[in-house]
Amino acid sequence: MGKVSSSVHFIERSTMVVTRDLPGKTHWEPNTDLYTTADGLVIKVELAGMRSENLEVTLEGNRLRISGNRPDSCRAAHCRFLMMEITYGPFEKVLNLPPGYDLSRAKAAYVNGFLRVDVPLAQAPAPDHKLEISEGD
């Protein structure tokens, strides 16, 4: 019979990412669902333990950037983890949205640990038409 090790290893499943903007800084990316509905696009981000005032949602063209910092303030000062799956600290999630959605009319709500961003469909473009050509000097 083989010997079973009784040592416990630190486990962390979230991916830490080095930011391009701030070399040497790391952040994690929260779990995110992105799906379409008849009305538009829904982005749902899992951010348990956060407060809405610690979240920032930025719109840049067709890019949606969600960032913030989840504090680790609930544990004892000198604890020793047996397992750690909850990631704390700064985070950032950047999504490049497909065309056909109007980010300028997006709405965000934070409820029960989930940030939900609803992005409506873009208004139908004006129908094709011919431009008048004027005579110029």
N, C-alpha and C. Protein backbone atom coordinates (compact mmCIF):
# COMPACT_ATOMS: atom_id res chain seq x y z
N MET A 1 0.83 -1.17 0.00
CA MET A 1 0.00 0.00 0.00
C MET A 1 0.88 1.23 0.00
N GLY A 2 0.54 2.24 -0.85
CA GLY A 2 1.33 3.46 -0.95
C GLY A 2 1.09 4.40 0.21
N LYS A 3 2.04 5.22 0.45
CA LYS A 3 1.94 6.21 1.51
C LYS A 3 1.10 7.39 1.02
N VAL A 4 0.17 7.86 1.83
CA VAL A 4 -0.67 9.00 1.50
C VAL A 4 -0.09 10.24 2.18
N SER A 5 0.13 11.25 1.40
CA SER A 5 0.68 12.50 1.94
C SER A 5 -0.39 13.25 2.70
N SER A 6 -0.06 13.78 3.83
CA SER A 6 -1.03 14.54 4.61
C SER A 6 -0.84 16.05 4.43
N SER A 7 0.11 16.44 3.59
CA SER A 7 0.33 17.88 3.40
C SER A 7 -0.79 18.47 2.53
N VAL A 8 -1.14 19.68 2.81
CA VAL A 8 -2.18 20.38 2.07
C VAL A 8 -1.51 21.46 1.24
N HIS A 9 -1.93 21.58 -0.01
CA HIS A 9 -1.33 22.56 -0.90
C HIS A 9 -2.25 23.74 -1.10
N PHE A 10 -1.67 24.90 -1.24
CA PHE A 10 -2.41 26.12 -1.57
C PHE A 10 -2.95 25.98 -2.98
N ILE A 11 -4.24 26.20 -3.17
CA ILE A 11 -4.87 26.08 -4.48
C ILE A 11 -5.44 27.42 -4.87
N GLU A 12 -5.18 27.83 -6.11
CA GLU A 12 -5.78 29.05 -6.65
C GLU A 12 -6.16 28.78 -8.09
N ARG A 13 -7.46 28.85 -8.41
CA ARG A 13 -7.93 28.52 -9.74
C ARG A 13 -8.05 29.72 -10.65
N SER A 14 -8.17 30.90 -10.10
CA SER A 14 -8.30 32.09 -10.94
C SER A 14 -6.97 32.43 -11.59
N THR A 15 -7.05 32.94 -12.78
CA THR A 15 -5.85 33.31 -13.52
C THR A 15 -5.45 34.74 -13.19
N MET A 16 -4.21 34.92 -12.85
CA MET A 16 -3.67 36.25 -12.65
C MET A 16 -3.08 36.70 -13.98
N VAL A 17 -3.27 37.95 -14.32
CA VAL A 17 -2.85 38.47 -15.61
C VAL A 17 -1.96 39.69 -15.38
N VAL A 18 -0.86 39.78 -16.11
CA VAL A 18 -0.01 40.98 -16.04
C VAL A 18 -0.65 42.02 -16.97
N THR A 19 -0.89 43.20 -16.46
CA THR A 19 -1.52 44.23 -17.27
C THR A 19 -0.53 44.85 -18.23
N ARG A 20 -1.01 45.20 -19.41
CA ARG A 20 -0.15 45.86 -20.40
C ARG A 20 0.12 47.30 -19.98
N ASP A 21 -0.86 47.92 -19.34
CA ASP A 21 -0.74 49.33 -18.99
C ASP A 21 0.20 49.55 -17.80
N LEU A 22 0.22 48.61 -16.88
CA LEU A 22 1.02 48.78 -15.67
C LEU A 22 1.92 47.56 -15.47
N PRO A 23 3.09 47.53 -16.09
CA PRO A 23 3.99 46.39 -15.95
C PRO A 23 4.27 46.11 -14.48
N GLY A 24 4.30 44.84 -14.12
CA GLY A 24 4.54 44.46 -12.74
C GLY A 24 3.28 44.37 -11.91
N LYS A 25 2.17 44.91 -12.38
CA LYS A 25 0.89 44.83 -11.67
C LYS A 25 0.12 43.62 -12.18
N THR A 26 -0.61 42.98 -11.30
CA THR A 26 -1.42 41.84 -11.71
C THR A 26 -2.87 42.10 -11.37
N HIS A 27 -3.74 41.38 -12.06
CA HIS A 27 -5.16 41.45 -11.76
C HIS A 27 -5.77 40.11 -12.11
N TRP A 28 -7.00 39.90 -11.72
CA TRP A 28 -7.71 38.67 -12.05
C TRP A 28 -8.94 39.04 -12.88
N GLU A 29 -9.48 38.05 -13.58
CA GLU A 29 -10.66 38.27 -14.41
C GLU A 29 -11.83 37.50 -13.83
N PRO A 30 -12.93 38.18 -13.52
CA PRO A 30 -14.09 37.49 -12.94
C PRO A 30 -14.82 36.64 -13.98
N ASN A 31 -15.54 35.62 -13.50
CA ASN A 31 -16.36 34.79 -14.37
C ASN A 31 -17.44 35.65 -15.01
N THR A 32 -17.65 35.46 -16.31
CA THR A 32 -18.55 36.33 -17.06
C THR A 32 -19.40 35.51 -18.02
N ASP A 33 -20.68 35.84 -18.10
CA ASP A 33 -21.58 35.30 -19.13
C ASP A 33 -21.90 36.43 -20.09
N LEU A 34 -21.96 36.12 -21.36
CA LEU A 34 -22.31 37.09 -22.39
C LEU A 34 -23.31 36.39 -23.31
N TYR A 35 -24.52 36.96 -23.40
CA TYR A 35 -25.54 36.32 -24.23
C TYR A 35 -26.45 37.37 -24.86
N THR A 36 -27.15 36.95 -25.92
CA THR A 36 -28.06 37.85 -26.61
C THR A 36 -29.49 37.52 -26.24
N THR A 37 -30.33 38.55 -26.33
CA THR A 37 -31.78 38.41 -26.14
C THR A 37 -32.44 39.11 -27.32
N ALA A 38 -33.76 39.09 -27.35
CA ALA A 38 -34.48 39.78 -28.41
C ALA A 38 -34.23 41.29 -28.37
N ASP A 39 -33.88 41.82 -27.19
CA ASP A 39 -33.68 43.26 -27.03
C ASP A 39 -32.25 43.73 -27.18
N GLY A 40 -31.30 42.80 -27.07
CA GLY A 40 -29.91 43.21 -27.16
C GLY A 40 -28.97 42.19 -26.58
N LEU A 41 -27.93 42.70 -25.93
CA LEU A 41 -26.85 41.89 -25.40
C LEU A 41 -26.84 42.03 -23.89
N VAL A 42 -26.55 40.93 -23.18
CA VAL A 42 -26.46 40.96 -21.72
C VAL A 42 -25.09 40.46 -21.31
N ILE A 43 -24.43 41.23 -20.45
CA ILE A 43 -23.16 40.83 -19.86
C ILE A 43 -23.43 40.67 -18.38
N LYS A 44 -23.14 39.48 -17.84
CA LYS A 44 -23.37 39.21 -16.43
C LYS A 44 -22.04 38.77 -15.82
N VAL A 45 -21.60 39.49 -14.78
CA VAL A 45 -20.28 39.27 -14.19
C VAL A 45 -20.45 38.90 -12.72
N GLU A 46 -19.80 37.82 -12.32
CA GLU A 46 -19.88 37.33 -10.96
C GLU A 46 -18.87 38.07 -10.09
N LEU A 47 -19.38 38.89 -9.14
CA LEU A 47 -18.51 39.73 -8.31
C LEU A 47 -18.97 39.74 -6.85
N ALA A 48 -19.12 38.57 -6.27
CA ALA A 48 -19.57 38.47 -4.88
C ALA A 48 -18.63 39.22 -3.95
N GLY A 49 -19.21 39.83 -2.93
CA GLY A 49 -18.42 40.53 -1.93
C GLY A 49 -18.02 41.94 -2.30
N MET A 50 -18.54 42.42 -3.40
CA MET A 50 -18.21 43.78 -3.86
C MET A 50 -19.33 44.75 -3.47
N ARG A 51 -19.01 46.01 -3.53
CA ARG A 51 -20.00 47.09 -3.42
C ARG A 51 -20.00 47.82 -4.74
N SER A 52 -21.17 48.29 -5.16
CA SER A 52 -21.26 48.94 -6.47
C SER A 52 -20.33 50.14 -6.59
N GLU A 53 -20.07 50.85 -5.49
CA GLU A 53 -19.18 52.01 -5.57
C GLU A 53 -17.73 51.62 -5.80
N ASN A 54 -17.40 50.33 -5.67
CA ASN A 54 -16.04 49.86 -5.93
C ASN A 54 -15.88 49.28 -7.33
N LEU A 55 -16.92 49.43 -8.15
CA LEU A 55 -16.89 48.94 -9.52
C LEU A 55 -16.83 50.11 -10.49
N GLU A 56 -16.18 49.89 -11.63
CA GLU A 56 -16.12 50.91 -12.67
C GLU A 56 -16.39 50.24 -14.00
N VAL A 57 -17.35 50.80 -14.75
CA VAL A 57 -17.66 50.30 -16.09
C VAL A 57 -17.37 51.44 -17.05
N THR A 58 -16.48 51.19 -18.00
CA THR A 58 -16.04 52.20 -18.95
C THR A 58 -16.38 51.74 -20.36
N LEU A 59 -16.89 52.66 -21.16
CA LEU A 59 -17.22 52.39 -22.55
C LEU A 59 -16.21 53.09 -23.43
N GLU A 60 -15.60 52.34 -24.34
CA GLU A 60 -14.58 52.88 -25.25
C GLU A 60 -14.86 52.35 -26.64
N GLY A 61 -15.62 53.07 -27.45
CA GLY A 61 -15.98 52.57 -28.78
C GLY A 61 -16.86 51.35 -28.64
N ASN A 62 -16.42 50.20 -29.16
CA ASN A 62 -17.18 48.96 -29.01
C ASN A 62 -16.63 48.10 -27.88
N ARG A 63 -15.81 48.69 -27.03
CA ARG A 63 -15.16 47.97 -25.94
C ARG A 63 -15.80 48.34 -24.60
N LEU A 64 -16.08 47.31 -23.80
CA LEU A 64 -16.62 47.49 -22.45
C LEU A 64 -15.57 47.01 -21.47
N ARG A 65 -15.17 47.89 -20.55
CA ARG A 65 -14.14 47.56 -19.55
C ARG A 65 -14.78 47.61 -18.17
N ILE A 66 -14.70 46.49 -17.46
CA ILE A 66 -15.22 46.40 -16.10
C ILE A 66 -14.02 46.19 -15.18
N SER A 67 -13.89 47.06 -14.18
CA SER A 67 -12.74 46.94 -13.29
C SER A 67 -13.13 47.31 -11.87
N GLY A 68 -12.26 46.99 -10.94
CA GLY A 68 -12.49 47.30 -9.54
C GLY A 68 -11.46 46.60 -8.68
N ASN A 69 -11.77 46.52 -7.39
CA ASN A 69 -10.88 45.89 -6.44
C ASN A 69 -11.72 45.21 -5.37
N ARG A 70 -11.61 43.87 -5.28
CA ARG A 70 -12.34 43.15 -4.23
C ARG A 70 -11.43 43.04 -3.02
N PRO A 71 -11.79 43.69 -1.91
CA PRO A 71 -10.94 43.66 -0.72
C PRO A 71 -11.01 42.31 -0.02
N ASP A 72 -9.91 41.95 0.61
CA ASP A 72 -9.85 40.73 1.41
C ASP A 72 -9.81 41.15 2.87
N SER A 73 -10.97 41.50 3.40
CA SER A 73 -11.01 42.05 4.76
C SER A 73 -11.78 41.18 5.74
N CYS A 74 -12.15 39.97 5.36
CA CYS A 74 -13.00 39.13 6.21
C CYS A 74 -12.22 38.10 7.02
N ARG A 75 -10.97 37.87 6.70
CA ARG A 75 -10.25 36.78 7.36
C ARG A 75 -9.35 37.29 8.48
N ALA A 76 -8.96 36.35 9.32
CA ALA A 76 -8.05 36.67 10.42
C ALA A 76 -6.68 37.05 9.86
N ALA A 77 -5.96 37.87 10.58
CA ALA A 77 -4.68 38.39 10.10
C ALA A 77 -3.64 37.30 9.85
N HIS A 78 -3.58 36.29 10.68
CA HIS A 78 -2.52 35.28 10.55
C HIS A 78 -3.10 33.90 10.26
N CYS A 79 -4.01 33.84 9.31
CA CYS A 79 -4.61 32.56 8.96
C CYS A 79 -3.68 31.80 8.01
N ARG A 80 -3.86 30.49 7.94
CA ARG A 80 -3.11 29.65 7.00
C ARG A 80 -4.12 28.92 6.13
N PHE A 81 -4.11 29.23 4.85
CA PHE A 81 -5.09 28.63 3.94
C PHE A 81 -4.84 27.15 3.74
N LEU A 82 -5.92 26.39 3.72
CA LEU A 82 -5.89 25.00 3.31
C LEU A 82 -6.33 24.91 1.85
N MET A 83 -7.17 25.85 1.46
CA MET A 83 -7.60 25.96 0.08
C MET A 83 -8.04 27.41 -0.13
N MET A 84 -7.72 27.95 -1.31
CA MET A 84 -8.15 29.31 -1.62
C MET A 84 -8.62 29.35 -3.06
N GLU A 85 -9.92 29.55 -3.26
CA GLU A 85 -10.48 29.64 -4.60
C GLU A 85 -11.09 31.01 -4.87
N ILE A 86 -11.23 31.82 -3.86
CA ILE A 86 -11.78 33.16 -4.03
C ILE A 86 -10.60 34.11 -4.25
N THR A 87 -10.67 34.86 -5.34
CA THR A 87 -9.58 35.77 -5.67
C THR A 87 -9.92 37.17 -5.19
N TYR A 88 -8.94 37.83 -4.61
CA TYR A 88 -9.10 39.18 -4.10
C TYR A 88 -8.13 40.11 -4.81
N GLY A 89 -8.34 41.39 -4.63
CA GLY A 89 -7.44 42.37 -5.22
C GLY A 89 -8.04 42.98 -6.47
N PRO A 90 -7.20 43.68 -7.24
CA PRO A 90 -7.70 44.37 -8.43
C PRO A 90 -8.11 43.38 -9.52
N PHE A 91 -9.15 43.74 -10.26
CA PHE A 91 -9.57 42.91 -11.37
C PHE A 91 -9.94 43.79 -12.55
N GLU A 92 -9.96 43.14 -13.72
CA GLU A 92 -10.35 43.84 -14.94
C GLU A 92 -10.86 42.81 -15.94
N LYS A 93 -11.95 43.15 -16.59
CA LYS A 93 -12.50 42.33 -17.67
C LYS A 93 -12.78 43.28 -18.82
N VAL A 94 -12.20 43.00 -19.99
CA VAL A 94 -12.39 43.83 -21.17
C VAL A 94 -13.06 42.98 -22.23
N LEU A 95 -14.19 43.47 -22.75
CA LEU A 95 -14.94 42.76 -23.78
C LEU A 95 -15.06 43.62 -25.02
N ASN A 96 -14.68 43.08 -26.15
CA ASN A 96 -14.91 43.74 -27.43
C ASN A 96 -16.25 43.24 -27.95
N LEU A 97 -17.22 44.13 -28.02
CA LEU A 97 -18.57 43.73 -28.41
C LEU A 97 -18.72 43.73 -29.91
N PRO A 98 -19.55 42.82 -30.41
CA PRO A 98 -19.76 42.76 -31.87
C PRO A 98 -20.56 43.98 -32.32
N PRO A 99 -20.53 44.30 -33.62
CA PRO A 99 -21.31 45.42 -34.12
C PRO A 99 -22.81 45.12 -33.99
N GLY A 100 -23.61 46.19 -34.02
CA GLY A 100 -25.06 46.04 -33.94
C GLY A 100 -25.65 46.34 -32.58
N TYR A 101 -24.82 46.79 -31.63
CA TYR A 101 -25.29 47.12 -30.28
C TYR A 101 -24.89 48.55 -29.96
N ASP A 102 -25.73 49.22 -29.18
CA ASP A 102 -25.54 50.64 -28.88
C ASP A 102 -25.03 50.81 -27.45
N LEU A 103 -23.72 50.86 -27.28
CA LEU A 103 -23.13 51.02 -25.94
C LEU A 103 -23.51 52.34 -25.29
N SER A 104 -23.84 53.35 -26.08
CA SER A 104 -24.20 54.65 -25.50
C SER A 104 -25.52 54.57 -24.72
N ARG A 105 -26.32 53.54 -24.94
CA ARG A 105 -27.58 53.37 -24.22
C ARG A 105 -27.52 52.20 -23.23
N ALA A 106 -26.33 51.71 -22.92
CA ALA A 106 -26.17 50.58 -22.00
C ALA A 106 -26.59 51.00 -20.59
N LYS A 107 -27.09 50.03 -19.83
CA LYS A 107 -27.48 50.24 -18.43
C LYS A 107 -26.85 49.14 -17.59
N ALA A 108 -26.38 49.50 -16.39
CA ALA A 108 -25.73 48.54 -15.50
C ALA A 108 -26.43 48.51 -14.15
N ALA A 109 -26.52 47.31 -13.55
CA ALA A 109 -27.10 47.13 -12.22
C ALA A 109 -26.29 46.06 -11.49
N TYR A 110 -26.09 46.27 -10.18
CA TYR A 110 -25.38 45.30 -9.36
C TYR A 110 -26.33 44.77 -8.31
N VAL A 111 -26.67 43.47 -8.41
CA VAL A 111 -27.65 42.87 -7.50
C VAL A 111 -27.17 41.48 -7.08
N ASN A 112 -27.18 41.21 -5.78
CA ASN A 112 -26.85 39.89 -5.23
C ASN A 112 -25.52 39.33 -5.75
N GLY A 113 -24.51 40.17 -5.84
CA GLY A 113 -23.19 39.71 -6.22
C GLY A 113 -22.94 39.60 -7.71
N PHE A 114 -23.90 40.04 -8.52
CA PHE A 114 -23.74 39.99 -9.97
C PHE A 114 -23.90 41.38 -10.56
N LEU A 115 -22.95 41.76 -11.41
CA LEU A 115 -23.08 42.98 -12.19
C LEU A 115 -23.72 42.58 -13.51
N ARG A 116 -24.80 43.25 -13.88
CA ARG A 116 -25.47 42.97 -15.15
C ARG A 116 -25.46 44.24 -15.98
N VAL A 117 -24.96 44.13 -17.20
CA VAL A 117 -24.93 45.24 -18.13
C VAL A 117 -25.80 44.85 -19.32
N ASP A 118 -26.84 45.64 -19.58
CA ASP A 118 -27.72 45.42 -20.72
C ASP A 118 -27.36 46.42 -21.80
N VAL A 119 -27.09 45.91 -23.00
CA VAL A 119 -26.72 46.75 -24.13
C VAL A 119 -27.78 46.54 -25.21
N PRO A 120 -28.58 47.57 -25.50
CA PRO A 120 -29.65 47.40 -26.49
C PRO A 120 -29.11 47.30 -27.91
N LEU A 121 -29.95 46.75 -28.76
CA LEU A 121 -29.62 46.71 -30.18
C LEU A 121 -29.48 48.14 -30.69
N ALA A 122 -28.62 48.33 -31.66
CA ALA A 122 -28.46 49.65 -32.28
C ALA A 122 -29.72 49.96 -33.08
N GLN A 123 -30.05 51.23 -33.15
CA GLN A 123 -31.18 51.65 -33.96
C GLN A 123 -30.91 51.28 -35.41
N ALA A 124 -31.96 50.97 -36.12
CA ALA A 124 -31.80 50.61 -37.53
C ALA A 124 -31.18 51.78 -38.28
N PRO A 125 -30.18 51.50 -39.11
CA PRO A 125 -29.57 52.60 -39.88
C PRO A 125 -30.58 53.16 -40.88
N ALA A 126 -30.34 54.38 -41.27
CA ALA A 126 -31.21 55.01 -42.27
C ALA A 126 -31.15 54.20 -43.56
N PRO A 127 -32.27 54.11 -44.26
CA PRO A 127 -32.26 53.34 -45.50
C PRO A 127 -31.30 53.97 -46.51
N ASP A 128 -30.82 53.13 -47.43
CA ASP A 128 -29.91 53.62 -48.48
C ASP A 128 -30.63 54.69 -49.29
N HIS A 129 -29.90 55.69 -49.64
CA HIS A 129 -30.45 56.75 -50.49
C HIS A 129 -29.32 57.39 -51.28
N LYS A 130 -29.70 58.12 -52.29
CA LYS A 130 -28.71 58.79 -53.14
C LYS A 130 -28.46 60.19 -52.59
N LEU A 131 -27.22 60.62 -52.68
CA LEU A 131 -26.87 61.97 -52.27
C LEU A 131 -26.97 62.89 -53.49
N GLU A 132 -27.47 64.08 -53.24
CA GLU A 132 -27.51 65.10 -54.30
C GLU A 132 -26.09 65.60 -54.50
N ILE A 133 -25.71 65.77 -55.74
CA ILE A 133 -24.38 66.28 -56.08
C ILE A 133 -24.56 67.72 -56.57
N SER A 134 -23.92 68.62 -55.86
CA SER A 134 -24.06 70.03 -56.27
C SER A 134 -22.92 70.41 -57.19
N GLU A 135 -23.16 71.41 -58.00
CA GLU A 135 -22.14 71.95 -58.90
C GLU A 135 -21.27 72.90 -58.09
N GLY A 136 -19.98 72.74 -58.13
CA GLY A 136 -19.09 73.61 -57.40
C GLY A 136 -18.16 74.35 -58.31
N ASP A 137 -17.60 75.43 -57.80
CA ASP A 137 -16.65 76.23 -58.60
C ASP A 137 -15.27 75.69 -58.47
